[in-house]
Amino acid sequence: MGYDKKKSDNNFMPVICKEGSQDWIVIERAFKLEEMIRHLESLRVNGEKDPEQWVNTQIKRAMKDPSKVYESLNTFKPDKSKVSAKQHMPDREEVSDDLPY
């Protein structure tokens, strides 16, 4: 598998994944070192080195052929903004202190 910028744009990692060849080996991964270095360097934020930057990947099964596995980038970033209960349900009435129960 050669390094293909189009695949990396779709979050594919330049890695070949396959089921382990032994019972105790879950996944076997193979990649060309120089291609992986180039790919990982392309993920740097603003091209800067950052010792705190992590790269998260996921090993997935192909939908069409479950015997095939592949690795992709996990680019999920949680939304750190907090939303109040009132913002979740703007049409809900205010709670009053004179409830019968």
Protein backbone atom coordinates (compact mmCIF):
# COMPACT_ATOMS: atom_id res chain seq x y z
CA MET A 1 0.00 0.00 0.00
CA GLY A 2 1.64 3.24 -1.09
CA TYR A 3 1.13 6.58 0.60
CA ASP A 4 -1.84 8.22 -1.08
CA LYS A 5 -2.65 11.80 -0.04
CA LYS A 6 -6.26 11.33 -1.17
CA LYS A 7 -6.73 8.49 1.30
CA SER A 8 -5.09 10.46 4.09
CA ASP A 9 -7.52 13.31 3.41
CA ASN A 10 -10.30 10.84 4.20
CA ASN A 11 -8.60 9.98 7.50
CA PHE A 12 -7.16 6.69 6.25
CA MET A 13 -3.81 5.81 7.77
CA PRO A 14 -1.06 4.47 5.49
CA VAL A 15 -1.20 1.16 7.36
CA ILE A 16 -2.02 -2.40 6.38
CA CYS A 17 -4.06 -4.11 9.11
CA LYS A 18 -4.99 -7.77 9.30
CA GLU A 19 -6.30 -10.21 11.87
CA GLY A 20 -3.62 -11.69 14.12
CA SER A 21 -1.95 -14.87 12.95
CA GLN A 22 -2.02 -16.39 16.46
CA ASP A 23 -4.74 -16.55 19.11
CA TRP A 24 -2.95 -14.03 21.34
CA ILE A 25 -2.37 -11.53 18.51
CA VAL A 26 -5.45 -9.40 17.90
CA ILE A 27 -4.33 -7.15 15.02
CA GLU A 28 -1.16 -7.07 12.95
CA ARG A 29 -0.16 -3.70 11.49
CA ALA A 30 2.43 -2.96 8.82
CA PHE A 31 3.55 0.36 7.37
CA LYS A 32 6.46 1.84 5.50
CA LEU A 33 8.43 3.92 7.97
CA GLU A 34 9.09 6.95 5.73
CA GLU A 35 5.46 7.08 4.55
CA MET A 36 4.21 6.93 8.14
CA ILE A 37 6.64 9.65 9.24
CA ARG A 38 5.45 11.93 6.40
CA HIS A 39 1.82 11.19 7.22
CA LEU A 40 2.22 11.85 10.94
CA GLU A 41 4.17 15.06 10.30
CA SER A 42 1.32 16.25 8.06
CA LEU A 43 -0.99 16.01 11.10
CA ARG A 44 0.93 18.59 13.11
CA VAL A 45 -1.08 21.64 14.05
CA ASN A 46 0.35 24.60 12.09
CA GLY A 47 3.38 22.44 11.27
CA GLU A 48 4.69 23.00 14.80
CA LYS A 49 6.11 20.32 17.06
CA ASP A 50 3.96 19.87 20.14
CA PRO A 51 4.93 17.25 22.72
CA GLU A 52 1.33 17.31 24.05
CA GLN A 53 -0.35 16.50 20.69
CA TRP A 54 -1.88 13.05 20.42
CA VAL A 55 -2.92 11.13 17.31
CA ASN A 56 -5.93 8.89 17.90
CA THR A 57 -6.73 6.08 15.50
CA GLN A 58 -9.38 3.41 15.24
CA ILE A 59 -9.08 -0.06 13.77
CA LYS A 60 -12.34 -0.86 11.99
CA ARG A 61 -13.93 -3.74 10.11
CA ALA A 62 -14.95 -3.16 6.51
CA MET A 63 -18.74 -3.13 6.08
CA LYS A 64 -18.66 -5.02 2.78
CA ASP A 65 -16.14 -7.64 3.94
CA PRO A 66 -15.96 -8.06 7.74
CA SER A 67 -12.79 -10.14 7.39
CA LYS A 68 -10.94 -6.99 6.28
CA VAL A 69 -9.76 -4.45 8.82
CA TYR A 70 -8.31 -0.99 8.33
CA GLU A 71 -7.06 1.89 10.44
CA SER A 72 -8.36 5.44 10.32
CA LEU A 73 -7.79 8.66 12.19
CA ASN A 74 -10.22 9.52 14.95
CA THR A 75 -10.71 13.27 14.56
CA PHE A 76 -13.55 13.57 17.11
CA LYS A 77 -13.18 16.61 19.34
CA PRO A 78 -15.73 16.97 22.16
CA ASP A 79 -17.60 20.25 22.38
CA LYS A 80 -16.28 21.89 25.52
CA SER A 81 -18.97 24.56 25.67
CA LYS A 82 -21.50 23.95 28.42
CA VAL A 83 -25.20 24.11 27.70
CA SER A 84 -27.66 24.85 30.47
CA ALA A 85 -30.87 22.89 30.98
CA LYS A 86 -32.86 25.95 29.94
CA GLN A 87 -31.01 26.05 26.61
CA HIS A 88 -31.78 22.34 26.05
CA MET A 89 -35.52 22.91 26.61
CA PRO A 90 -36.31 26.55 25.86
CA ASP A 91 -40.08 25.92 25.67
CA ARG A 92 -40.32 24.34 29.14
CA GLU A 93 -42.07 26.34 31.81
CA GLU A 94 -40.23 27.69 34.79
CA VAL A 95 -40.50 25.58 37.94
CA SER A 96 -42.39 27.35 40.72
CA ASP A 97 -42.18 26.76 44.45
CA ASP A 98 -45.94 26.20 44.85
CA LEU A 99 -46.01 22.64 43.51
CA PRO A 100 -48.62 20.44 45.23
CA TYR A 101 -46.16 17.61 45.83
